Every structure is written in structure tokens, then in C-alpha cells.
Amino acid sequence: MKNYDEKINEKVDKINNKLEKIRKFNKIKIIFKMIFIFLLLIMSIILIVKVNTKNIITSSEVIEETTKNELEGNSTSDEKININEINKSSVNDWNLILVNKENPIPENYSVNIVKIEDNFEVDEKIKESTEKMLADARASGINPEICSAYRSTKYQTTLYNNKINEYLRKGFNMEQATEQASKWVTTPGTSEHEIGLSLDIIDNSYQILDENQENTPVQKWLMEHCYEYGFILRYPTEKRDITKINYEPWHYRYVGVKDAMIIKEKGYCLEEYIEFLKDEY
């Protein structure tokens, strides 16, 4: 009987030993798994850091190249700017001058105008960019036409008064007519056309200045590509409460390639971008 009990005990001990070995082995497996997961985490962090570092370097290179191209008059259609890495722009830069009802043209402001498209004039600093944008648009198979560019203050006054008279004929009183007219034609001394940095561009196949202009091939192309040449759609429909000007899907303003790209990226109008620059810098 004693021998039998000893044999039983030996078997139990062997089983316990095996169970103990299995438990140790499982513990070792768990430890190795944890080490493996930890190593994977470390490798992932290293990879993320490398990618971000590469992106920062690439963004800086793009910014440098974009600025260089802008100075040389070249477009940068395939390049995107990292806004956080952008070279600082100033609200005092000539291309960012804000002209609206609250910000009239400075008295000492002067414009060096040059001929463009035979019958129109612009500030000489935007002539090359304008011509390139129109040429590229035509090369894509569409037919843009300038219908207004630089205007003298005298001519702006004539347009403004004509608009007021139009509303007077509709039965508005002078105050109402003036208010309505200013939503379409800015008061003399507050028009971007007077500084030579804005263009009204229409589609040859549809020459009416109304909201249907946005559906033409020319406006679809310009709204997608104008920023590549330094232009923005100046009066978007969703920004009229800020610009105080009705939607004009034909009015384009030059601000420079670098700044136009940021405005497009952030969905700003020019007023909002100027405030952004003031807050940022």
C-alpha cells in the first residue's frame, strides 16, 4: 500500500512540475509579447517623427521655391504651402492693400498703369501674371475676356452715379438708391479697380454680369486655378456680410501667389486674411 501511495505522489509531483513549467512558459510568452508590442510602439513613434520631420523640410523647400517663382513671375500649380511654415506676409505689402468702404485708397497712392489686352489697363506689377493666367485659360479651350480693369476715380464716379440713377428710376429714394448702388458699384475712392489690382473677367459665350456667370466654363476654370497666378475671387457669395459687396463671380483681385494659396486653403476673403495676419504676427 505504501508503494502504491508513493507512486501516486510521484505522479502528482510530476504533473505539478509540468504545470509549473507550463505556467512559467506562459509567463515568458507574455513578457516577450509585451516586449514585442513595446518595440513596435517605439518603432512607430520613430517613423512618425521621421515623416513629420521630412514634411517640415519639404514644406520649407516648397515655400522657398514658391517665393522664388512668384518673384520670377512663374506659377506654382502643383505645389502646396504648409501654412504654419509660410514666410511672413505683411498687411503693408503692396499686393495686400485693403480697399473697401471702411478703408479708402490712401491720398498719396499712385498707380503705374500699363496696357493689357489692347483696351484695358492694370498696375504694371500684375501685367505678366494676368497675361499668363489668360493665356493658360485659353490654352485649355475656354474664352475669357476682360470687361473691366483699372478705372480712374472720375470713371468710377460716373459708374457709381449711373447705378444710383438706375435705382432712382425704379422708385427708390436717394438714401435707398445710394445704399443699393453701393452693393454693386463701390463708392469712388474705395474701389479696387482704382488701384489697378482687380479685373472683371467674363466668358465670351455669356457676357452678362449676374450670378449665372459662375456656371460658365471660364469662371469654373478661374475659380479653380486663379490662385496659382496670384488672384482670388474677391467677393464670394458666402462672404457678402463681411465684404459688404454682393456676389460677383467675375471680379478677381491680385494678392500674390503665396497669399492667394493661403486664402484659398483657409477659405478666407481678403478682409478675413488681413485680420488673420494682424493676429498672427
Foldseek 3Di string as FASTA:
>chain_A
DVVVVVVVVVVVVVVVVVVVVVVVVVVVVVVVVVVVVVVVVVVVVVVVVVVVVVVLVVLLVLQVVQVVCLVVQHFDQPDAHDVVNHDADACPPPLLPAFAPVRFDDPPADADWDDDPNPAIAGPSQRSLVVVVQVVLVVVPFHKDWPAFADALVVLQVQLVVQLVVVVVVPDDNVVSNLVSCQARPHRRRDPSNRRFKTFMAGPVDDDFDPCRCVDPSLVVCQVCVLRSQKHLQADQVCCVPRVHHRTSGMIGGRTNSLSSVCVVVVHHSVVVNVVSVVVD
